[in-house]
N, C-alpha and C. Protein backbone atom coordinates (compact mmCIF):
# COMPACT_ATOMS: atom_id res chain seq x y z
N ALA A 1 13.19 -8.89 -3.89
CA ALA A 1 14.28 -9.94 -3.24
C ALA A 1 13.66 -9.15 -1.64
N TRP A 2 13.23 -7.92 -1.28
CA TRP A 2 12.55 -7.48 -0.27
C TRP A 2 11.27 -8.22 0.11
N VAL A 3 10.42 -8.29 -1.35
CA VAL A 3 8.81 -9.17 -1.09
C VAL A 3 8.82 -10.32 0.00
N GLY A 4 10.17 -10.82 -1.50
CA GLY A 4 10.32 -11.99 -0.53
C GLY A 4 10.75 -12.28 0.79
N ARG A 5 11.37 -11.62 1.31
CA ARG A 5 12.34 -11.78 2.59
C ARG A 5 11.35 -10.98 3.75
N MET A 6 10.14 -9.88 3.22
CA MET A 6 9.78 -9.76 3.97
C MET A 6 7.81 -10.78 4.27
N ALA A 7 7.87 -10.98 2.95
CA ALA A 7 6.67 -12.34 2.89
C ALA A 7 7.32 -13.50 3.97
N ARG A 8 8.37 -14.45 3.99
CA ARG A 8 9.02 -14.61 4.82
C ARG A 8 9.04 -14.65 6.39
N ALA A 9 9.53 -13.62 6.27
CA ALA A 9 9.32 -13.12 7.73
C ALA A 9 7.48 -13.20 8.21
N GLY A 10 6.71 -13.07 7.70
CA GLY A 10 5.31 -13.28 8.54
C GLY A 10 4.68 -11.70 8.04
N VAL A 11 5.31 -10.91 7.41
CA VAL A 11 4.39 -9.42 6.69
C VAL A 11 3.75 -9.66 6.11
N PRO A 12 2.22 -9.77 6.86
CA PRO A 12 0.77 -10.59 5.96
C PRO A 12 0.58 -9.58 4.48
N THR A 13 0.90 -8.56 4.43
CA THR A 13 0.72 -7.95 3.05
C THR A 13 1.86 -7.05 2.20
N VAL A 14 2.38 -7.55 1.47
CA VAL A 14 3.42 -6.75 1.00
C VAL A 14 3.46 -6.14 -0.43
N GLN A 15 4.06 -4.50 -0.32
CA GLN A 15 3.84 -3.76 -2.14
C GLN A 15 5.24 -4.11 -2.95
N LEU A 16 5.14 -4.09 -4.05
CA LEU A 16 6.07 -4.48 -5.05
C LEU A 16 5.71 -3.06 -4.74
N ARG A 17 6.93 -1.71 -5.26
CA ARG A 17 6.92 -0.44 -5.84
C ARG A 17 8.36 -0.72 -6.78
N PHE A 18 8.51 -0.61 -7.94
CA PHE A 18 9.48 -1.14 -9.27
C PHE A 18 8.67 0.41 -10.32
N LYS A 19 9.86 1.39 -10.45
CA LYS A 19 10.06 2.43 -10.86
C LYS A 19 10.46 2.37 -11.86
N SER A 20 10.52 2.15 -13.62
CA SER A 20 10.83 1.64 -14.63
C SER A 20 10.44 2.47 -15.79
N ASP A 21 10.70 2.46 -16.51
CA ASP A 21 9.87 2.96 -18.12
C ASP A 21 10.30 1.78 -18.91
N ASP A 22 11.04 0.91 -18.42
CA ASP A 22 11.37 -0.84 -19.16
C ASP A 22 10.76 -1.50 -19.22
N PRO A 23 10.04 -1.59 -19.97
CA PRO A 23 8.36 -2.85 -19.58
C PRO A 23 9.12 -4.17 -19.32
N ALA A 24 9.72 -4.92 -20.28
CA ALA A 24 10.52 -5.67 -19.82
C ALA A 24 10.76 -5.92 -17.99
N ALA A 25 11.98 -4.75 -18.02
CA ALA A 25 12.09 -4.85 -16.70
C ALA A 25 10.93 -5.04 -15.52
N ILE A 26 9.83 -4.08 -16.13
CA ILE A 26 8.87 -4.32 -14.95
C ILE A 26 8.09 -5.29 -15.08
N ALA A 27 7.84 -6.26 -15.97
CA ALA A 27 7.22 -7.48 -15.83
C ALA A 27 8.25 -8.91 -15.57
N HIS A 28 9.72 -8.48 -15.51
CA HIS A 28 10.62 -9.36 -14.86
C HIS A 28 10.40 -9.09 -13.51
N GLU A 29 10.13 -7.96 -12.83
CA GLU A 29 10.28 -8.07 -11.02
C GLU A 29 8.67 -8.21 -10.82
N VAL A 30 7.55 -7.80 -11.99
CA VAL A 30 6.37 -8.19 -11.15
C VAL A 30 6.40 -9.35 -11.02
N ARG A 31 6.74 -10.36 -11.96
CA ARG A 31 6.59 -12.31 -12.30
C ARG A 31 7.76 -12.35 -10.56
N ALA A 32 9.02 -11.96 -10.38
CA ALA A 32 9.53 -11.95 -9.81
C ALA A 32 9.39 -12.04 -7.97
N ALA A 33 8.32 -11.26 -7.72
CA ALA A 33 7.24 -10.66 -6.73
C ALA A 33 6.32 -11.62 -6.80
N VAL A 34 6.21 -12.07 -7.67
CA VAL A 34 4.64 -13.38 -7.54
C VAL A 34 5.53 -14.40 -6.96
N GLN A 35 6.33 -14.72 -7.59
CA GLN A 35 6.83 -15.74 -7.22
C GLN A 35 7.46 -15.55 -6.22
N ALA A 36 8.24 -15.04 -5.72
CA ALA A 36 9.05 -14.62 -4.28
C ALA A 36 7.88 -14.83 -2.72
N VAL A 37 6.36 -14.64 -2.98
CA VAL A 37 5.44 -14.52 -1.87
C VAL A 37 4.81 -16.44 -2.34
N GLN A 38 4.90 -16.93 -3.20
CA GLN A 38 5.08 -18.22 -3.39
C GLN A 38 5.09 -19.37 -2.05
N GLY A 39 3.87 -19.74 -1.35
CA GLY A 39 4.40 -21.15 -0.41
C GLY A 39 4.46 -19.93 1.07
N THR A 40 3.94 -18.17 0.58
CA THR A 40 3.85 -17.63 2.12
C THR A 40 2.48 -17.34 2.02
N SER A 41 1.91 -16.58 2.86
CA SER A 41 0.57 -16.12 2.96
C SER A 41 0.33 -14.64 3.01
N ALA A 42 1.61 -14.20 2.79
CA ALA A 42 1.68 -13.00 2.20
C ALA A 42 0.29 -12.60 1.12
N LEU A 43 -0.02 -11.39 1.06
CA LEU A 43 -0.95 -11.25 -0.01
C LEU A 43 0.31 -10.02 -0.41
N LEU A 44 0.72 -9.83 -1.65
CA LEU A 44 0.76 -9.39 -2.42
C LEU A 44 0.38 -8.19 -3.40
N PHE A 45 0.49 -6.97 -3.74
CA PHE A 45 -0.13 -6.09 -4.73
C PHE A 45 0.89 -5.13 -5.42
N ILE A 46 0.43 -5.02 -6.50
CA ILE A 46 2.11 -4.22 -6.93
C ILE A 46 1.42 -2.89 -7.11
N ASN A 47 2.46 -2.00 -7.27
CA ASN A 47 2.29 -0.61 -7.64
C ASN A 47 2.20 -0.14 -9.14
N ASP A 48 0.91 0.71 -9.00
CA ASP A 48 1.01 0.66 -10.92
C ASP A 48 1.07 -0.31 -11.72
N HIS A 49 1.64 -0.98 -11.79
CA HIS A 49 1.95 -1.62 -12.87
C HIS A 49 0.83 -3.33 -13.14
N TRP A 50 -0.79 -3.10 -12.81
CA TRP A 50 -1.76 -3.36 -13.29
C TRP A 50 -1.76 -4.41 -14.02
N ARG A 51 -1.51 -4.45 -15.67
CA ARG A 51 -1.70 -4.98 -16.67
C ARG A 51 -0.94 -6.12 -16.05
N GLU A 52 0.73 -6.30 -15.59
CA GLU A 52 1.64 -6.74 -15.44
C GLU A 52 1.06 -7.92 -14.23
N ALA A 53 0.36 -7.27 -13.43
CA ALA A 53 -0.03 -7.65 -11.80
C ALA A 53 -0.97 -8.86 -12.35
N ILE A 54 -2.12 -8.36 -13.01
CA ILE A 54 -2.28 -9.49 -13.83
C ILE A 54 -2.07 -10.42 -14.37
N ALA A 55 -1.08 -10.07 -15.21
CA ALA A 55 -0.56 -11.17 -16.06
C ALA A 55 0.05 -12.69 -15.14
N ALA A 56 1.01 -11.49 -14.09
CA ALA A 56 1.93 -12.70 -13.21
C ALA A 56 0.68 -13.53 -12.37
N GLY A 57 -0.28 -12.96 -12.14
CA GLY A 57 -1.08 -13.19 -10.89
C GLY A 57 -0.88 -12.90 -9.65
N ALA A 58 -0.68 -11.56 -9.51
CA ALA A 58 -0.59 -10.96 -7.89
C ALA A 58 -1.96 -10.85 -7.74
N TYR A 59 -2.07 -10.68 -6.45
CA TYR A 59 -3.66 -10.82 -5.21
C TYR A 59 -3.93 -8.94 -6.04
N GLY A 60 -3.17 -8.40 -5.34
CA GLY A 60 -3.83 -6.99 -6.06
C GLY A 60 -2.61 -5.96 -6.81
N VAL A 61 -3.02 -4.87 -6.80
CA VAL A 61 -2.61 -3.36 -7.12
C VAL A 61 -2.73 -2.20 -6.61
N HIS A 62 -2.10 -1.30 -6.48
CA HIS A 62 -1.98 -0.59 -5.93
C HIS A 62 -1.99 0.71 -6.48
N LEU A 63 -2.80 2.04 -6.70
CA LEU A 63 -2.47 3.29 -8.17
C LEU A 63 -2.70 4.22 -6.99
N GLY A 64 -1.82 5.40 -7.58
CA GLY A 64 -2.19 6.82 -6.42
C GLY A 64 -3.04 7.48 -7.39
N GLN A 65 -3.44 8.37 -6.83
CA GLN A 65 -3.96 9.29 -7.68
C GLN A 65 -3.86 9.45 -8.86
N GLU A 66 -2.91 9.89 -9.81
CA GLU A 66 -2.43 10.60 -10.70
C GLU A 66 -2.97 9.00 -12.31
N ASP A 67 -2.19 8.07 -11.14
CA ASP A 67 -2.84 6.60 -11.78
C ASP A 67 -3.92 6.49 -12.10
N LEU A 68 -4.56 6.67 -10.86
CA LEU A 68 -6.07 6.40 -11.42
C LEU A 68 -6.98 7.23 -12.08
N ASP A 69 -6.34 8.43 -12.19
CA ASP A 69 -7.00 9.62 -13.23
C ASP A 69 -6.31 9.53 -14.63
N ALA A 70 -5.53 8.69 -14.64
CA ALA A 70 -5.22 8.41 -16.30
C ALA A 70 -5.63 6.57 -16.81
N LEU A 71 -6.22 6.20 -15.67
CA LEU A 71 -6.92 5.25 -16.36
C LEU A 71 -8.08 5.40 -17.07
N PRO A 72 -8.24 4.81 -18.39
CA PRO A 72 -9.36 5.02 -18.79
C PRO A 72 -10.56 4.04 -18.57
N ALA A 73 -12.25 4.82 -18.90
CA ALA A 73 -13.28 3.45 -18.25
C ALA A 73 -13.15 1.89 -18.42
N PRO A 74 -12.35 1.54 -20.16
CA PRO A 74 -12.62 0.36 -20.90
C PRO A 74 -11.59 -0.52 -19.27
N ALA A 75 -10.21 0.67 -19.49
CA ALA A 75 -8.77 0.06 -18.70
C ALA A 75 -9.64 -0.65 -16.96
N LEU A 76 -10.29 0.37 -16.28
CA LEU A 76 -10.87 0.25 -15.23
C LEU A 76 -12.08 -0.95 -15.10
N GLN A 77 -12.18 -1.30 -16.03
CA GLN A 77 -13.50 -2.30 -16.23
C GLN A 77 -12.21 -3.55 -16.54
N GLU A 78 -11.68 -3.75 -17.21
CA GLU A 78 -10.52 -4.82 -17.43
C GLU A 78 -9.84 -5.20 -16.13
N LEU A 79 -9.43 -4.08 -15.11
CA LEU A 79 -8.58 -4.26 -14.31
C LEU A 79 -10.18 -5.09 -12.98
N ARG A 80 -11.02 -4.51 -12.84
CA ARG A 80 -11.98 -5.09 -11.77
C ARG A 80 -12.47 -6.26 -12.50
N ALA A 81 -12.67 -6.89 -13.80
CA ALA A 81 -12.65 -7.84 -14.37
C ALA A 81 -12.05 -8.99 -13.90
N SER A 82 -10.16 -8.86 -13.82
CA SER A 82 -9.55 -9.53 -13.50
C SER A 82 -9.44 -10.23 -12.44
N GLY A 83 -10.27 -10.17 -11.34
CA GLY A 83 -10.48 -9.83 -9.76
C GLY A 83 -9.24 -9.56 -9.26
N LEU A 84 -8.37 -8.70 -9.41
CA LEU A 84 -7.32 -8.15 -8.33
C LEU A 84 -7.90 -6.81 -7.89
N ARG A 85 -7.54 -7.30 -6.71
CA ARG A 85 -8.41 -6.39 -5.35
C ARG A 85 -7.41 -5.08 -5.88
N LEU A 86 -7.89 -3.72 -5.56
CA LEU A 86 -7.69 -2.59 -6.02
C LEU A 86 -7.07 -1.84 -4.92
N GLY A 87 -6.09 -1.30 -4.30
CA GLY A 87 -6.16 0.04 -3.25
C GLY A 87 -5.95 1.45 -3.90
N VAL A 88 -5.91 2.17 -3.09
CA VAL A 88 -5.63 3.52 -3.92
C VAL A 88 -5.36 4.03 -3.02
N SER A 89 -4.50 5.12 -2.96
CA SER A 89 -3.87 6.39 -2.26
C SER A 89 -4.20 7.12 -2.04
N THR A 90 -4.47 8.13 -0.73
CA THR A 90 -5.60 9.35 -0.42
C THR A 90 -4.73 10.06 -0.01
N HIS A 91 -4.25 11.95 -0.51
CA HIS A 91 -4.33 12.54 0.82
C HIS A 91 -5.02 13.70 1.06
N GLY A 92 -6.25 13.71 0.95
CA GLY A 92 -7.23 14.39 1.50
C GLY A 92 -8.64 13.84 1.33
N TYR A 93 -9.38 14.09 1.85
CA TYR A 93 -11.22 14.07 1.69
C TYR A 93 -11.54 13.97 0.01
N ALA A 94 -11.53 15.13 -0.80
CA ALA A 94 -11.33 15.12 -1.91
C ALA A 94 -11.18 13.99 -2.88
N GLU A 95 -9.42 13.42 -2.68
CA GLU A 95 -9.25 12.38 -3.32
C GLU A 95 -10.03 11.24 -2.53
N MET A 96 -10.31 11.28 -1.51
CA MET A 96 -11.02 10.23 -0.97
C MET A 96 -12.15 9.81 -1.81
N LEU A 97 -12.85 10.90 -1.90
CA LEU A 97 -14.42 10.65 -2.52
C LEU A 97 -14.31 10.17 -3.87
N ARG A 98 -13.15 10.56 -4.76
CA ARG A 98 -12.60 10.23 -6.03
C ARG A 98 -11.93 8.87 -6.11
N ALA A 99 -11.37 8.22 -4.83
CA ALA A 99 -10.86 6.73 -4.82
C ALA A 99 -12.65 6.55 -4.57
N ASP A 100 -13.27 6.60 -3.76
CA ASP A 100 -14.64 5.91 -4.11
C ASP A 100 -15.08 5.81 -4.87
N ALA A 101 -15.43 6.28 -5.68
CA ALA A 101 -16.18 6.71 -6.93
C ALA A 101 -15.78 4.90 -8.06
N VAL A 102 -14.72 4.25 -7.48
CA VAL A 102 -14.01 3.38 -8.15
C VAL A 102 -13.90 2.13 -7.05
N GLY A 103 -14.87 2.08 -6.23
CA GLY A 103 -15.12 1.00 -5.00
C GLY A 103 -13.51 0.51 -5.45
N PRO A 104 -12.67 0.87 -3.97
CA PRO A 104 -11.53 0.18 -4.19
C PRO A 104 -11.43 -0.51 -3.33
N SER A 105 -11.04 -1.75 -2.88
CA SER A 105 -10.44 -3.38 -1.83
C SER A 105 -9.89 -1.85 -0.28
N TYR A 106 -9.48 -1.13 -0.43
CA TYR A 106 -8.54 -0.09 0.40
C TYR A 106 -8.50 1.12 0.47
N LEU A 107 -8.51 1.45 1.05
CA LEU A 107 -7.56 3.33 1.00
C LEU A 107 -7.00 3.35 1.99
N ALA A 108 -5.66 4.18 1.13
CA ALA A 108 -4.20 4.26 1.48
C ALA A 108 -4.53 5.83 2.03
N LEU A 109 -4.63 6.15 3.92
CA LEU A 109 -4.37 7.84 4.06
C LEU A 109 -3.53 8.33 4.63
N GLY A 110 -2.74 8.86 3.17
CA GLY A 110 -1.53 9.89 3.95
C GLY A 110 -1.06 11.25 3.39
N ALA A 111 0.21 11.24 2.97
CA ALA A 111 1.06 11.01 3.75
C ALA A 111 1.31 11.49 5.81
N VAL A 112 0.77 10.50 6.80
CA VAL A 112 0.92 11.22 8.19
C VAL A 112 1.96 11.86 8.77
N PHE A 113 2.81 11.20 8.08
CA PHE A 113 4.32 12.30 8.76
C PHE A 113 4.92 12.45 7.46
N PRO A 114 6.64 13.39 7.72
CA PRO A 114 7.20 13.78 6.66
C PRO A 114 8.02 11.77 5.75
N THR A 115 7.78 12.08 4.54
CA THR A 115 8.69 11.28 3.84
C THR A 115 9.55 11.29 3.28
N THR A 116 10.81 9.93 2.73
CA THR A 116 11.71 10.70 2.45
C THR A 116 11.83 9.50 0.98
N LEU A 117 11.01 9.08 0.73
CA LEU A 117 10.40 7.63 -0.12
C LEU A 117 9.84 8.40 -1.91
N LYS A 118 9.12 10.05 -1.17
CA LYS A 118 9.07 10.03 -2.42
C LYS A 118 8.31 11.98 -2.42
N ARG A 119 8.38 12.29 -3.70
CA ARG A 119 8.08 13.89 -3.48
C ARG A 119 6.74 13.85 -3.59
N MET A 120 6.18 14.79 -2.01
CA MET A 120 4.43 14.44 -1.79
C MET A 120 4.18 15.90 -1.79
N ALA A 121 3.45 16.22 -2.87
CA ALA A 121 2.27 17.74 -3.45
C ALA A 121 1.53 18.29 -2.23
N THR A 122 1.60 17.00 -1.25
CA THR A 122 0.90 17.82 -0.30
C THR A 122 1.47 18.12 1.40
N ALA A 123 1.27 18.92 2.52
CA ALA A 123 1.78 18.49 3.27
C ALA A 123 1.19 17.44 4.65
N PRO A 124 2.13 16.95 5.27
CA PRO A 124 1.61 16.05 5.99
C PRO A 124 0.43 16.04 6.57
N GLN A 125 -0.77 14.91 7.19
CA GLN A 125 -1.94 15.10 7.31
C GLN A 125 -1.46 15.22 8.86
N GLY A 126 -0.77 14.50 9.26
CA GLY A 126 -0.46 14.49 11.30
C GLY A 126 -1.79 12.97 11.37
N VAL A 127 -1.24 12.64 12.64
CA VAL A 127 -2.34 11.75 13.27
C VAL A 127 -3.89 12.45 13.82
N ALA A 128 -4.20 13.76 13.81
CA ALA A 128 -5.51 14.39 14.30
C ALA A 128 -6.11 14.24 13.22
N ARG A 129 -5.87 14.96 11.97
CA ARG A 129 -6.60 14.57 10.20
C ARG A 129 -6.52 13.61 10.06
N LEU A 130 -5.35 12.05 10.83
CA LEU A 130 -5.68 10.95 9.75
C LEU A 130 -6.76 10.72 10.87
N ALA A 131 -7.01 11.13 11.77
CA ALA A 131 -8.13 10.32 12.78
C ALA A 131 -9.53 10.75 12.19
N ALA A 132 -9.56 12.14 11.81
CA ALA A 132 -10.88 12.19 11.06
C ALA A 132 -11.21 11.57 9.81
N TYR A 133 -10.29 11.36 9.21
CA TYR A 133 -10.26 10.85 7.60
C TYR A 133 -10.96 9.44 7.88
N ALA A 134 -10.04 8.62 9.26
CA ALA A 134 -10.62 7.38 9.48
C ALA A 134 -12.34 7.33 10.14
N ARG A 135 -12.26 8.26 11.05
CA ARG A 135 -14.47 8.10 11.01
C ARG A 135 -14.80 8.80 9.68
N LEU A 136 -14.43 9.35 9.44
CA LEU A 136 -15.38 8.96 7.86
C LEU A 136 -15.65 8.48 6.69
N MET A 137 -14.18 7.76 6.96
CA MET A 137 -14.30 6.43 5.59
C MET A 137 -14.05 4.85 6.59
N GLN A 138 -14.37 4.83 7.73
CA GLN A 138 -14.10 3.53 8.25
C GLN A 138 -14.91 2.43 8.04
N ALA A 139 -16.11 2.68 7.86
CA ALA A 139 -17.35 2.19 7.57
C ALA A 139 -17.34 1.25 6.38
N SER A 140 -16.74 2.22 5.45
CA SER A 140 -16.70 1.89 4.04
C SER A 140 -15.78 0.72 3.35
N TYR A 141 -14.51 0.74 3.88
CA TYR A 141 -13.06 0.67 3.39
C TYR A 141 -11.86 -0.27 4.54
N PRO A 142 -11.74 -0.95 4.55
CA PRO A 142 -10.29 -1.16 5.43
C PRO A 142 -9.70 0.03 4.72
N LEU A 143 -8.60 0.49 6.09
CA LEU A 143 -8.05 1.58 5.89
C LEU A 143 -6.76 1.52 6.71
N VAL A 144 -5.50 1.83 5.77
CA VAL A 144 -3.95 2.01 5.91
C VAL A 144 -3.16 3.56 5.84
N ALA A 145 -2.42 3.52 7.20
CA ALA A 145 -2.23 4.47 7.53
C ALA A 145 -0.86 5.13 6.65
N ILE A 146 -0.55 5.49 5.39
CA ILE A 146 1.08 5.11 4.96
C ILE A 146 1.91 6.89 5.49
N GLY A 147 3.16 6.58 5.26
CA GLY A 147 3.54 8.19 4.89
C GLY A 147 4.57 8.04 6.07
N GLY A 148 5.89 8.02 6.75
CA GLY A 148 6.85 8.59 7.11
C GLY A 148 6.38 7.79 8.37
N ILE A 149 6.67 6.44 8.98
CA ILE A 149 5.32 5.87 10.37
C ILE A 149 6.62 5.11 10.70
N ALA A 150 7.11 5.15 11.58
CA ALA A 150 8.33 4.83 12.57
C ALA A 150 7.17 3.55 14.58
N LEU A 151 7.91 2.84 13.89
CA LEU A 151 7.29 1.77 15.39
C LEU A 151 7.02 2.93 16.44
N GLU A 152 7.66 4.19 17.09
CA GLU A 152 7.37 4.85 17.59
C GLU A 152 6.12 5.21 17.46
N GLN A 153 5.50 6.11 16.77
CA GLN A 153 3.97 6.04 16.58
C GLN A 153 3.13 5.04 16.29
N PHE A 154 3.29 3.98 16.03
CA PHE A 154 1.99 2.95 16.10
C PHE A 154 0.98 3.43 16.72
N ALA A 155 1.16 2.95 18.45
CA ALA A 155 0.12 3.32 19.34
C ALA A 155 -0.75 4.61 19.06
N ALA A 156 0.22 5.54 18.51
CA ALA A 156 -0.69 7.36 17.75
C ALA A 156 -1.75 7.29 17.06
N VAL A 157 -0.91 5.75 15.84
CA VAL A 157 -1.39 5.69 14.38
C VAL A 157 -2.40 4.97 14.42
N ARG A 158 -2.29 3.86 15.21
CA ARG A 158 -3.51 2.25 15.53
C ARG A 158 -4.67 3.50 16.23
N ALA A 159 -4.50 4.37 17.25
CA ALA A 159 -5.27 4.84 17.97
C ALA A 159 -6.63 5.82 17.51
N THR A 160 -5.82 6.15 15.92
CA THR A 160 -7.09 6.81 15.06
C THR A 160 -8.10 5.83 14.15
N GLY A 161 -8.03 4.88 14.38
CA GLY A 161 -8.47 3.88 13.72
C GLY A 161 -8.42 2.96 12.89
N VAL A 162 -7.34 3.60 12.15
CA VAL A 162 -7.12 2.70 10.76
C VAL A 162 -6.51 1.10 11.22
N GLY A 163 -7.21 0.44 10.18
CA GLY A 163 -6.80 -1.05 10.54
C GLY A 163 -5.24 -2.09 10.17
N SER A 164 -4.49 -0.83 9.49
CA SER A 164 -3.33 -1.49 9.03
C SER A 164 -2.17 0.18 8.99
N ILE A 165 -0.96 -0.12 8.79
CA ILE A 165 -0.18 0.75 8.71
C ILE A 165 1.47 0.45 8.43
N ALA A 166 1.59 0.75 7.14
CA ALA A 166 1.83 0.52 5.86
C ALA A 166 3.46 1.64 6.69
N VAL A 167 4.79 0.42 6.34
CA VAL A 167 5.86 1.38 6.51
C VAL A 167 7.42 0.52 5.52
N VAL A 168 8.54 1.53 5.00
CA VAL A 168 8.98 1.14 4.11
C VAL A 168 10.38 1.51 5.24
N ARG A 169 11.07 2.42 5.15
CA ARG A 169 11.75 2.71 6.56
C ARG A 169 12.56 1.94 7.21
N ALA A 170 11.21 2.12 8.05
CA ALA A 170 11.41 1.36 9.73
C ALA A 170 12.15 0.05 9.06
N LEU A 171 11.82 -0.88 8.32
CA LEU A 171 12.19 -2.21 7.63
C LEU A 171 13.55 -2.43 7.00
N VAL A 172 13.34 -1.24 6.15
CA VAL A 172 14.90 -1.36 5.21
C VAL A 172 15.60 -0.77 5.46
N THR A 173 15.44 0.07 6.82
CA THR A 173 17.06 0.68 6.96
C THR A 173 17.23 -0.26 8.84
N ALA A 174 16.28 -1.06 9.07
CA ALA A 174 16.34 -1.52 10.46
C ALA A 174 17.74 -2.67 10.41
N PRO A 175 18.93 -2.75 11.40
CA PRO A 175 19.85 -3.34 11.23
C PRO A 175 19.66 -5.34 11.30
N ASP A 176 18.39 -5.76 11.41
CA ASP A 176 18.22 -7.03 11.34
C ASP A 176 16.28 -6.76 11.24
N PRO A 177 15.83 -6.57 9.53
CA PRO A 177 14.76 -6.09 9.55
C PRO A 177 13.31 -7.40 9.44
N GLU A 178 13.70 -8.57 9.47
CA GLU A 178 13.34 -9.86 10.25
C GLU A 178 12.34 -9.35 11.39
N ARG A 179 13.51 -8.70 12.46
CA ARG A 179 12.92 -8.41 13.55
C ARG A 179 12.40 -7.39 13.99
N ALA A 180 12.85 -6.46 13.29
CA ALA A 180 11.79 -5.02 12.99
C ALA A 180 10.36 -5.32 12.70
N ALA A 181 10.34 -6.26 11.26
CA ALA A 181 8.59 -6.42 10.49
C ALA A 181 7.97 -7.05 12.46
N GLU A 182 8.74 -8.02 12.71
CA GLU A 182 8.15 -9.15 13.99
C GLU A 182 7.68 -7.77 15.01
N GLN A 183 8.58 -6.85 15.40
CA GLN A 183 8.27 -5.63 16.65
C GLN A 183 7.15 -5.02 16.17
N LEU A 184 6.79 -4.61 14.77
CA LEU A 184 6.23 -3.62 13.74
C LEU A 184 4.53 -4.98 13.96
N MET A 185 4.47 -5.79 13.93
CA MET A 185 3.52 -6.74 13.46
C MET A 185 2.54 -6.45 14.83
N ASN A 186 3.69 -6.96 16.17
CA ASN A 186 3.09 -7.10 17.34
C ASN A 186 2.51 -5.80 17.47
N ALA A 187 3.26 -4.33 17.56
CA ALA A 187 2.41 -3.38 18.00
C ALA A 187 1.74 -2.90 16.98
N LEU A 188 1.32 -3.42 16.00
CA LEU A 188 -0.09 -3.43 15.01
C LEU A 188 -0.85 -4.28 16.36
N LYS A 189 -1.15 -5.21 16.39
CA LYS A 189 -1.50 -6.24 17.14
C LYS A 189 -2.31 -5.41 18.83
N ASN A 190 -1.26 -4.55 19.43
CA ASN A 190 -1.51 -4.46 20.76
C ASN A 190 -2.40 -3.44 20.50
């Protein structure tokens, strides 16, 4: 429901993050998300479930480092052959180099600030480190800042050179998520 809601609000890229061990539930949610963005211009990335993303016709898949490490070469070749775009989360320069080896469509850099959405194995990077990573990688890939980012931090995050900013809490905890999406998209442009 959130994927469709944000797509209809004009958010250009949305991601389904659905954690489950139930293959039927995963397949159902991925198909529902693909259907939810139909008729909008939103690009849909599916977190982790790349085979289901291929089957449902999603635009792309987003993998974390552990998922990338667990992906055998034949599976990576299958993912590449599907035409699915690939985004990869990174939490430091060593992970950026590992992600570079698979030639992703974009790199997610973070967590910039503390986040409550998932347990992080690394400390927040902060804006200064994000800027250094952006300088190192900006010629190679589109860069997305992730992790604990709110509207108040958009100007500082944008100044680092990243092209996009991912948010969750800034939308799902807002009293009017559509209005919050509009404000965040305007802040990204300015």
